[in-house]
Amino acid sequence: HEGTNNYVFSKVAMNTYVAYTAFAFAQQGMRINA
């Protein structure tokens, strides 16, 4: 995927990962934020 190996997409991916992972972490009594 051209144009994704850059600083902005690394942070877009991180923010999305944090938001998406929150539910699975909550089920395990854990938390994730950024």
PDB file of all heavy atoms in Angstrom:
ATOM      1  N   HIS A   1       0.848  -1.199   0.000  1.00  0.00           N
ATOM      2  CA  HIS A   1       0.000   0.000   0.000  1.00  0.00           C
ATOM      3  C   HIS A   1       0.882   1.246   0.000  1.00  0.00           C
ATOM      4  O   HIS A   1       1.380   1.685   1.046  1.00  0.00           O
ATOM      5  CB  HIS A   1      -0.943  -0.014   1.211  1.00  0.00           C
ATOM      6  CG  HIS A   1      -1.986  -1.086   1.133  1.00  0.00           C
ATOM      7  ND1 HIS A   1      -1.708  -2.403   1.415  1.00  0.00           N
ATOM      8  CD2 HIS A   1      -3.302  -1.027   0.784  1.00  0.00           C
ATOM      9  CE1 HIS A   1      -2.815  -3.127   1.256  1.00  0.00           C
ATOM     10  NE2 HIS A   1      -3.784  -2.322   0.866  1.00  0.00           N
ATOM     11  N   GLU A   2       1.053   1.782  -1.172  1.00  0.00           N
ATOM     12  CA  GLU A   2       1.914   2.948  -1.326  1.00  0.00           C
ATOM     13  C   GLU A   2       1.405   4.113  -0.476  1.00  0.00           C
ATOM     14  O   GLU A   2       0.200   4.332  -0.354  1.00  0.00           O
ATOM     15  CB  GLU A   2       1.944   3.363  -2.803  1.00  0.00           C
ATOM     16  CG  GLU A   2       2.920   4.481  -3.112  1.00  0.00           C
ATOM     17  CD  GLU A   2       2.972   4.805  -4.600  1.00  0.00           C
ATOM     18  OE1 GLU A   2       2.324   4.081  -5.388  1.00  0.00           O
ATOM     19  OE2 GLU A   2       3.648   5.792  -4.958  1.00  0.00           O
ATOM     20  N   GLY A   3       2.338   4.833   0.116  1.00  0.00           N
ATOM     21  CA  GLY A   3       1.976   6.013   0.898  1.00  0.00           C
ATOM     22  C   GLY A   3       1.618   5.740   2.337  1.00  0.00           C
ATOM     23  O   GLY A   3       1.143   6.640   3.042  1.00  0.00           O
ATOM     24  N   THR A   4       1.842   4.498   2.811  1.00  0.00           N
ATOM     25  CA  THR A   4       1.514   4.178   4.206  1.00  0.00           C
ATOM     26  C   THR A   4       2.747   4.022   5.100  1.00  0.00           C
ATOM     27  O   THR A   4       2.594   3.975   6.319  1.00  0.00           O
ATOM     28  CB  THR A   4       0.670   2.892   4.296  1.00  0.00           C
ATOM     29  OG1 THR A   4       1.397   1.798   3.718  1.00  0.00           O
ATOM     30  CG2 THR A   4      -0.658   3.063   3.578  1.00  0.00           C
ATOM     31  N   ASN A   5       3.930   3.951   4.500  1.00  0.00           N
ATOM     32  CA  ASN A   5       5.145   3.807   5.310  1.00  0.00           C
ATOM     33  C   ASN A   5       5.660   5.195   5.676  1.00  0.00           C
ATOM     34  O   ASN A   5       6.709   5.636   5.222  1.00  0.00           O
ATOM     35  CB  ASN A   5       6.207   3.007   4.557  1.00  0.00           C
ATOM     36  CG  ASN A   5       7.381   2.621   5.455  1.00  0.00           C
ATOM     37  OD1 ASN A   5       7.209   2.376   6.642  1.00  0.00           O
ATOM     38  ND2 ASN A   5       8.579   2.584   4.895  1.00  0.00           N
ATOM     39  N   ASN A   6       4.895   5.889   6.525  1.00  0.00           N
ATOM     40  CA  ASN A   6       5.258   7.252   6.887  1.00  0.00           C
ATOM     41  C   ASN A   6       4.808   7.573   8.309  1.00  0.00           C
ATOM     42  O   ASN A   6       4.091   6.796   8.941  1.00  0.00           O
ATOM     43  CB  ASN A   6       4.654   8.252   5.889  1.00  0.00           C
ATOM     44  CG  ASN A   6       3.148   8.155   5.796  1.00  0.00           C
ATOM     45  OD1 ASN A   6       2.435   8.256   6.801  1.00  0.00           O
ATOM     46  ND2 ASN A   6       2.629   7.941   4.589  1.00  0.00           N
ATOM     47  N   TYR A   7       5.232   8.734   8.782  1.00  0.00           N
ATOM     48  CA  TYR A   7       4.985   9.138  10.168  1.00  0.00           C
ATOM     49  C   TYR A   7       3.487   9.248  10.465  1.00  0.00           C
ATOM     50  O   TYR A   7       3.003   8.727  11.478  1.00  0.00           O
ATOM     51  CB  TYR A   7       5.668  10.478  10.436  1.00  0.00           C
ATOM     52  CG  TYR A   7       5.534  10.952  11.858  1.00  0.00           C
ATOM     53  CD1 TYR A   7       6.398  10.497  12.843  1.00  0.00           C
ATOM     54  CD2 TYR A   7       4.538  11.863  12.222  1.00  0.00           C
ATOM     55  CE1 TYR A   7       6.281  10.930  14.161  1.00  0.00           C
ATOM     56  CE2 TYR A   7       4.418  12.296  13.533  1.00  0.00           C
ATOM     57  CZ  TYR A   7       5.286  11.830  14.496  1.00  0.00           C
ATOM     58  OH  TYR A   7       5.155  12.256  15.795  1.00  0.00           O
ATOM     59  N   VAL A   8       2.749   9.910   9.581  1.00  0.00           N
ATOM     60  CA  VAL A   8       1.331  10.132   9.852  1.00  0.00           C
ATOM     61  C   VAL A   8       0.579   8.811   9.952  1.00  0.00           C
ATOM     62  O   VAL A   8      -0.195   8.595  10.899  1.00  0.00           O
ATOM     63  CB  VAL A   8       0.698  11.036   8.774  1.00  0.00           C
ATOM     64  CG1 VAL A   8      -0.821  11.061   8.914  1.00  0.00           C
ATOM     65  CG2 VAL A   8       1.250  12.456   8.886  1.00  0.00           C
ATOM     66  N   PHE A   9       0.807   7.895   9.006  1.00  0.00           N
ATOM     67  CA  PHE A   9       0.056   6.636   9.077  1.00  0.00           C
ATOM     68  C   PHE A   9       0.471   5.816  10.294  1.00  0.00           C
ATOM     69  O   PHE A   9      -0.352   5.084  10.858  1.00  0.00           O
ATOM     70  CB  PHE A   9       0.217   5.806   7.805  1.00  0.00           C
ATOM     71  CG  PHE A   9      -0.718   4.625   7.774  1.00  0.00           C
ATOM     72  CD1 PHE A   9      -2.084   4.819   7.609  1.00  0.00           C
ATOM     73  CD2 PHE A   9      -0.248   3.333   7.963  1.00  0.00           C
ATOM     74  CE1 PHE A   9      -2.968   3.740   7.619  1.00  0.00           C
ATOM     75  CE2 PHE A   9      -1.111   2.252   7.975  1.00  0.00           C
ATOM     76  CZ  PHE A   9      -2.475   2.450   7.801  1.00  0.00           C
ATOM     77  N   SER A  10       1.728   5.942  10.739  1.00  0.00           N
ATOM     78  CA  SER A  10       2.129   5.207  11.943  1.00  0.00           C
ATOM     79  C   SER A  10       1.295   5.640  13.138  1.00  0.00           C
ATOM     80  O   SER A  10       0.947   4.817  14.003  1.00  0.00           O
ATOM     81  CB  SER A  10       3.628   5.399  12.228  1.00  0.00           C
ATOM     82  OG  SER A  10       3.927   6.688  12.740  1.00  0.00           O
ATOM     83  N   LYS A  11       0.948   6.931  13.194  1.00  0.00           N
ATOM     84  CA  LYS A  11       0.148   7.441  14.306  1.00  0.00           C
ATOM     85  C   LYS A  11      -1.344   7.175  14.102  1.00  0.00           C
ATOM     86  O   LYS A  11      -2.080   6.936  15.075  1.00  0.00           O
ATOM     87  CB  LYS A  11       0.412   8.939  14.498  1.00  0.00           C
ATOM     88  CG  LYS A  11       1.878   9.258  14.766  1.00  0.00           C
ATOM     89  CD  LYS A  11       2.468   8.444  15.922  1.00  0.00           C
ATOM     90  CE  LYS A  11       3.907   8.801  16.206  1.00  0.00           C
ATOM     91  NZ  LYS A  11       4.497   8.009  17.311  1.00  0.00           N
ATOM     92  N   VAL A  12      -1.815   7.200  12.859  1.00  0.00           N
ATOM     93  CA  VAL A  12      -3.197   6.805  12.567  1.00  0.00           C
ATOM     94  C   VAL A  12      -3.411   5.353  12.981  1.00  0.00           C
ATOM     95  O   VAL A  12      -4.414   5.002  13.626  1.00  0.00           O
ATOM     96  CB  VAL A  12      -3.504   6.991  11.069  1.00  0.00           C
ATOM     97  CG1 VAL A  12      -4.822   6.320  10.690  1.00  0.00           C
ATOM     98  CG2 VAL A  12      -3.545   8.478  10.715  1.00  0.00           C
ATOM     99  N   ALA A  13      -2.456   4.491  12.616  1.00  0.00           N
ATOM    100  CA  ALA A  13      -2.540   3.079  12.984  1.00  0.00           C
ATOM    101  C   ALA A  13      -2.520   2.910  14.498  1.00  0.00           C
ATOM    102  O   ALA A  13      -3.284   2.111  15.062  1.00  0.00           O
ATOM    103  CB  ALA A  13      -1.399   2.295  12.348  1.00  0.00           C
ATOM    104  N   MET A  14      -1.672   3.675  15.174  1.00  0.00           N
ATOM    105  CA  MET A  14      -1.570   3.572  16.629  1.00  0.00           C
ATOM    106  C   MET A  14      -2.865   3.996  17.306  1.00  0.00           C
ATOM    107  O   MET A  14      -3.377   3.304  18.202  1.00  0.00           O
ATOM    108  CB  MET A  14      -0.404   4.419  17.147  1.00  0.00           C
ATOM    109  CG  MET A  14      -0.213   4.350  18.650  1.00  0.00           C
ATOM    110  SD  MET A  14       1.174   5.380  19.216  1.00  0.00           S
ATOM    111  CE  MET A  14       2.563   4.490  18.525  1.00  0.00           C
ATOM    112  N   ASN A  15      -3.414   5.131  16.891  1.00  0.00           N
ATOM    113  CA  ASN A  15      -4.655   5.609  17.503  1.00  0.00           C
ATOM    114  C   ASN A  15      -5.790   4.609  17.299  1.00  0.00           C
ATOM    115  O   ASN A  15      -6.594   4.364  18.207  1.00  0.00           O
ATOM    116  CB  ASN A  15      -5.042   6.963  16.916  1.00  0.00           C
ATOM    117  CG  ASN A  15      -4.072   8.066  17.291  1.00  0.00           C
ATOM    118  OD1 ASN A  15      -3.209   7.892  18.137  1.00  0.00           O
ATOM    119  ND2 ASN A  15      -4.213   9.206  16.645  1.00  0.00           N
ATOM    120  N   THR A  16      -5.855   4.047  16.092  1.00  0.00           N
ATOM    121  CA  THR A  16      -6.898   3.066  15.801  1.00  0.00           C
ATOM    122  C   THR A  16      -6.682   1.795  16.614  1.00  0.00           C
ATOM    123  O   THR A  16      -7.651   1.207  17.134  1.00  0.00           O
ATOM    124  CB  THR A  16      -6.920   2.749  14.298  1.00  0.00           C
ATOM    125  OG1 THR A  16      -7.036   3.963  13.551  1.00  0.00           O
ATOM    126  CG2 THR A  16      -8.086   1.839  13.942  1.00  0.00           C
ATOM    127  N   TYR A  17      -5.447   1.371  16.727  1.00  0.00           N
ATOM    128  CA  TYR A  17      -5.115   0.183  17.521  1.00  0.00           C
ATOM    129  C   TYR A  17      -5.545   0.354  18.976  1.00  0.00           C
ATOM    130  O   TYR A  17      -6.140  -0.544  19.578  1.00  0.00           O
ATOM    131  CB  TYR A  17      -3.612  -0.077  17.434  1.00  0.00           C
ATOM    132  CG  TYR A  17      -3.074  -1.142  18.360  1.00  0.00           C
ATOM    133  CD1 TYR A  17      -3.333  -2.489  18.138  1.00  0.00           C
ATOM    134  CD2 TYR A  17      -2.268  -0.793  19.440  1.00  0.00           C
ATOM    135  CE1 TYR A  17      -2.820  -3.473  18.978  1.00  0.00           C
ATOM    136  CE2 TYR A  17      -1.745  -1.761  20.281  1.00  0.00           C
ATOM    137  CZ  TYR A  17      -2.024  -3.091  20.050  1.00  0.00           C
ATOM    138  OH  TYR A  17      -1.511  -4.060  20.894  1.00  0.00           O
ATOM    139  N   VAL A  18      -5.248   1.513  19.539  1.00  0.00           N
ATOM    140  CA  VAL A  18      -5.624   1.791  20.924  1.00  0.00           C
ATOM    141  C   VAL A  18      -7.143   1.729  21.087  1.00  0.00           C
ATOM    142  O   VAL A  18      -7.664   1.092  22.022  1.00  0.00           O
ATOM    143  CB  VAL A  18      -5.073   3.168  21.360  1.00  0.00           C
ATOM    144  CG1 VAL A  18      -5.742   3.645  22.643  1.00  0.00           C
ATOM    145  CG2 VAL A  18      -3.558   3.090  21.552  1.00  0.00           C
ATOM    146  N   ALA A  19      -7.865   2.390  20.185  1.00  0.00           N
ATOM    147  CA  ALA A  19      -9.323   2.398  20.282  1.00  0.00           C
ATOM    148  C   ALA A  19      -9.909   0.999  20.094  1.00  0.00           C
ATOM    149  O   ALA A  19     -10.820   0.591  20.822  1.00  0.00           O
ATOM    150  CB  ALA A  19      -9.898   3.359  19.243  1.00  0.00           C
ATOM    151  N   TYR A  20      -9.385   0.262  19.122  1.00  0.00           N
ATOM    152  CA  TYR A  20      -9.927  -1.065  18.814  1.00  0.00           C
ATOM    153  C   TYR A  20      -9.593  -2.084  19.906  1.00  0.00           C
ATOM    154  O   TYR A  20     -10.426  -2.944  20.236  1.00  0.00           O
ATOM    155  CB  TYR A  20      -9.366  -1.540  17.471  1.00  0.00           C
ATOM    156  CG  TYR A  20      -9.937  -2.871  17.028  1.00  0.00           C
ATOM    157  CD1 TYR A  20     -11.193  -2.945  16.434  1.00  0.00           C
ATOM    158  CD2 TYR A  20      -9.226  -4.051  17.219  1.00  0.00           C
ATOM    159  CE1 TYR A  20     -11.728  -4.160  16.040  1.00  0.00           C
ATOM    160  CE2 TYR A  20      -9.748  -5.275  16.829  1.00  0.00           C
ATOM    161  CZ  TYR A  20     -11.003  -5.321  16.235  1.00  0.00           C
ATOM    162  OH  TYR A  20     -11.527  -6.528  15.858  1.00  0.00           O
ATOM    163  N   THR A  21      -8.401  -1.975  20.467  1.00  0.00           N
ATOM    164  CA  THR A  21      -7.941  -2.961  21.444  1.00  0.00           C
ATOM    165  C   THR A  21      -8.572  -2.756  22.811  1.00  0.00           C
ATOM    166  O   THR A  21      -8.553  -3.664  23.658  1.00  0.00           O
ATOM    167  CB  THR A  21      -6.399  -2.895  21.550  1.00  0.00           C
ATOM    168  OG1 THR A  21      -5.840  -3.073  20.240  1.00  0.00           O
ATOM    169  CG2 THR A  21      -5.823  -3.963  22.456  1.00  0.00           C
ATOM    170  N   ALA A  22      -9.137  -1.588  23.073  1.00  0.00           N
ATOM    171  CA  ALA A  22      -9.673  -1.276  24.400  1.00  0.00           C
ATOM    172  C   ALA A  22     -10.682  -2.316  24.878  1.00  0.00           C
ATOM    173  O   ALA A  22     -10.675  -2.696  26.055  1.00  0.00           O
ATOM    174  CB  ALA A  22     -10.317   0.114  24.387  1.00  0.00           C
ATOM    175  N   PHE A  23     -11.553  -2.783  23.992  1.00  0.00           N
ATOM    176  CA  PHE A  23     -12.587  -3.738  24.399  1.00  0.00           C
ATOM    177  C   PHE A  23     -11.972  -5.066  24.836  1.00  0.00           C
ATOM    178  O   PHE A  23     -12.318  -5.594  25.903  1.00  0.00           O
ATOM    179  CB  PHE A  23     -13.580  -3.963  23.261  1.00  0.00           C
ATOM    180  CG  PHE A  23     -14.617  -5.015  23.563  1.00  0.00           C
ATOM    181  CD1 PHE A  23     -15.506  -4.853  24.621  1.00  0.00           C
ATOM    182  CD2 PHE A  23     -14.704  -6.166  22.797  1.00  0.00           C
ATOM    183  CE1 PHE A  23     -16.464  -5.825  24.909  1.00  0.00           C
ATOM    184  CE2 PHE A  23     -15.650  -7.141  23.065  1.00  0.00           C
ATOM    185  CZ  PHE A  23     -16.535  -6.975  24.129  1.00  0.00           C
ATOM    186  N   ALA A  24     -11.071  -5.606  24.032  1.00  0.00           N
ATOM    187  CA  ALA A  24     -10.430  -6.875  24.392  1.00  0.00           C
ATOM    188  C   ALA A  24      -9.649  -6.740  25.695  1.00  0.00           C
ATOM    189  O   ALA A  24      -9.671  -7.644  26.546  1.00  0.00           O
ATOM    190  CB  ALA A  24      -9.504  -7.339  23.267  1.00  0.00           C
ATOM    191  N   PHE A  25      -8.983  -5.594  25.867  1.00  0.00           N
ATOM    192  CA  PHE A  25      -8.254  -5.370  27.114  1.00  0.00           C
ATOM    193  C   PHE A  25      -9.221  -5.264  28.288  1.00  0.00           C
ATOM    194  O   PHE A  25      -8.962  -5.805  29.370  1.00  0.00           O
ATOM    195  CB  PHE A  25      -7.401  -4.104  27.001  1.00  0.00           C
ATOM    196  CG  PHE A  25      -5.990  -4.348  26.550  1.00  0.00           C
ATOM    197  CD1 PHE A  25      -5.702  -5.320  25.600  1.00  0.00           C
ATOM    198  CD2 PHE A  25      -4.938  -3.611  27.069  1.00  0.00           C
ATOM    199  CE1 PHE A  25      -4.387  -5.552  25.190  1.00  0.00           C
ATOM    200  CE2 PHE A  25      -3.627  -3.834  26.671  1.00  0.00           C
ATOM    201  CZ  PHE A  25      -3.353  -4.803  25.727  1.00  0.00           C
ATOM    202  N   ALA A  26     -10.318  -4.563  28.103  1.00  0.00           N
ATOM    203  CA  ALA A  26     -11.299  -4.416  29.192  1.00  0.00           C
ATOM    204  C   ALA A  26     -11.820  -5.780  29.628  1.00  0.00           C
ATOM    205  O   ALA A  26     -12.041  -6.020  30.823  1.00  0.00           O
ATOM    206  CB  ALA A  26     -12.449  -3.517  28.749  1.00  0.00           C
ATOM    207  N   GLN A  27     -12.033  -6.679  28.681  1.00  0.00           N
ATOM    208  CA  GLN A  27     -12.504  -8.023  29.019  1.00  0.00           C
ATOM    209  C   GLN A  27     -11.506  -8.764  29.897  1.00  0.00           C
ATOM    210  O   GLN A  27     -11.887  -9.664  30.653  1.00  0.00           O
ATOM    211  CB  GLN A  27     -12.763  -8.827  27.745  1.00  0.00           C
ATOM    212  CG  GLN A  27     -13.987  -8.360  26.959  1.00  0.00           C
ATOM    213  CD  GLN A  27     -14.185  -9.161  25.705  1.00  0.00           C
ATOM    214  OE1 GLN A  27     -13.300  -9.288  24.865  1.00  0.00           O
ATOM    215  NE2 GLN A  27     -15.362  -9.748  25.568  1.00  0.00           N
ATOM    216  N   GLN A  28     -10.229  -8.372  29.797  1.00  0.00           N
ATOM    217  CA  GLN A  28      -9.176  -9.009  30.589  1.00  0.00           C
ATOM    218  C   GLN A  28      -8.771  -8.178  31.804  1.00  0.00           C
ATOM    219  O   GLN A  28      -7.785  -8.495  32.473  1.00  0.00           O
ATOM    220  CB  GLN A  28      -7.941  -9.242  29.711  1.00  0.00           C
ATOM    221  CG  GLN A  28      -8.199 -10.111  28.487  1.00  0.00           C
ATOM    222  CD  GLN A  28      -6.987 -10.148  27.584  1.00  0.00           C
ATOM    223  OE1 GLN A  28      -5.940 -10.703  27.924  1.00  0.00           O
ATOM    224  NE2 GLN A  28      -7.110  -9.543  26.411  1.00  0.00           N
ATOM    225  N   GLY A  29      -9.516  -7.105  32.072  1.00  0.00           N
ATOM    226  CA  GLY A  29      -9.194  -6.262  33.216  1.00  0.00           C
ATOM    227  C   GLY A  29      -7.960  -5.415  33.001  1.00  0.00           C
ATOM    228  O   GLY A  29      -7.290  -5.027  33.967  1.00  0.00           O
ATOM    229  N   MET A  30      -7.656  -5.089  31.733  1.00  0.00           N
ATOM    230  CA  MET A  30      -6.484  -4.277  31.399  1.00  0.00           C
ATOM    231  C   MET A  30      -6.947  -3.007  30.687  1.00  0.00           C
ATOM    232  O   MET A  30      -8.112  -2.879  30.311  1.00  0.00           O
ATOM    233  CB  MET A  30      -5.513  -5.068  30.519  1.00  0.00           C
ATOM    234  CG  MET A  30      -5.058  -6.375  31.131  1.00  0.00           C
ATOM    235  SD  MET A  30      -3.701  -7.187  30.238  1.00  0.00           S
ATOM    236  CE  MET A  30      -4.395  -7.407  28.612  1.00  0.00           C
ATOM    237  N   ARG A  31      -6.014  -2.087  30.481  1.00  0.00           N
ATOM    238  CA  ARG A  31      -6.339  -0.833  29.801  1.00  0.00           C
ATOM    239  C   ARG A  31      -5.234  -0.475  28.815  1.00  0.00           C
ATOM    240  O   ARG A  31      -4.088  -0.865  28.993  1.00  0.00           O
ATOM    241  CB  ARG A  31      -6.485   0.313  30.810  1.00  0.00           C
ATOM    242  CG  ARG A  31      -7.595   0.127  31.823  1.00  0.00           C
ATOM    243  CD  ARG A  31      -7.736   1.321  32.746  1.00  0.00           C
ATOM    244  NE  ARG A  31      -6.573   1.555  33.586  1.00  0.00           N
ATOM    245  CZ  ARG A  31      -5.727   2.573  33.458  1.00  0.00           C
ATOM    246  NH1 ARG A  31      -5.913   3.486  32.502  1.00  0.00           N
ATOM    247  NH2 ARG A  31      -4.698   2.713  34.272  1.00  0.00           N
ATOM    248  N   ILE A  32      -5.606   0.285  27.772  1.00  0.00           N
ATOM    249  CA  ILE A  32      -4.627   0.806  26.818  1.00  0.00           C
ATOM    250  C   ILE A  32      -5.068   2.190  26.367  1.00  0.00           C
ATOM    251  O   ILE A  32      -6.243   2.404  26.046  1.00  0.00           O
ATOM    252  CB  ILE A  32      -4.429  -0.144  25.616  1.00  0.00           C
ATOM    253  CG1 ILE A  32      -3.345   0.394  24.676  1.00  0.00           C
ATOM    254  CG2 ILE A  32      -5.746  -0.410  24.880  1.00  0.00           C
ATOM    255  CD1 ILE A  32      -2.883  -0.611  23.631  1.00  0.00           C
ATOM    256  N   ASN A  33      -4.151   3.139  26.369  1.00  0.00           N
ATOM    257  CA  ASN A  33      -4.418   4.514  25.957  1.00  0.00           C
ATOM    258  C   ASN A  33      -3.205   5.062  25.220  1.00  0.00           C
ATOM    259  O   ASN A  33      -2.169   4.392  25.122  1.00  0.00           O
ATOM    260  CB  ASN A  33      -4.715   5.388  27.180  1.00  0.00           C
ATOM    261  CG  ASN A  33      -5.997   4.996  27.887  1.00  0.00           C
ATOM    262  OD1 ASN A  33      -7.094   5.229  27.391  1.00  0.00           O
ATOM    263  ND2 ASN A  33      -5.871   4.374  29.061  1.00  0.00           N
ATOM    264  N   ALA A  34      -3.344   6.267  24.713  1.00  0.00           N
ATOM    265  CA  ALA A  34      -2.221   6.927  24.047  1.00  0.00           C
ATOM    266  C   ALA A  34      -2.203   8.404  24.396  1.00  0.00           C
ATOM    267  O   ALA A  34      -3.229   8.991  24.748  1.00  0.00           O
ATOM    268  CB  ALA A  34      -2.305   6.748  22.529  1.00  0.00           C
TER     269      ALA A  34
END
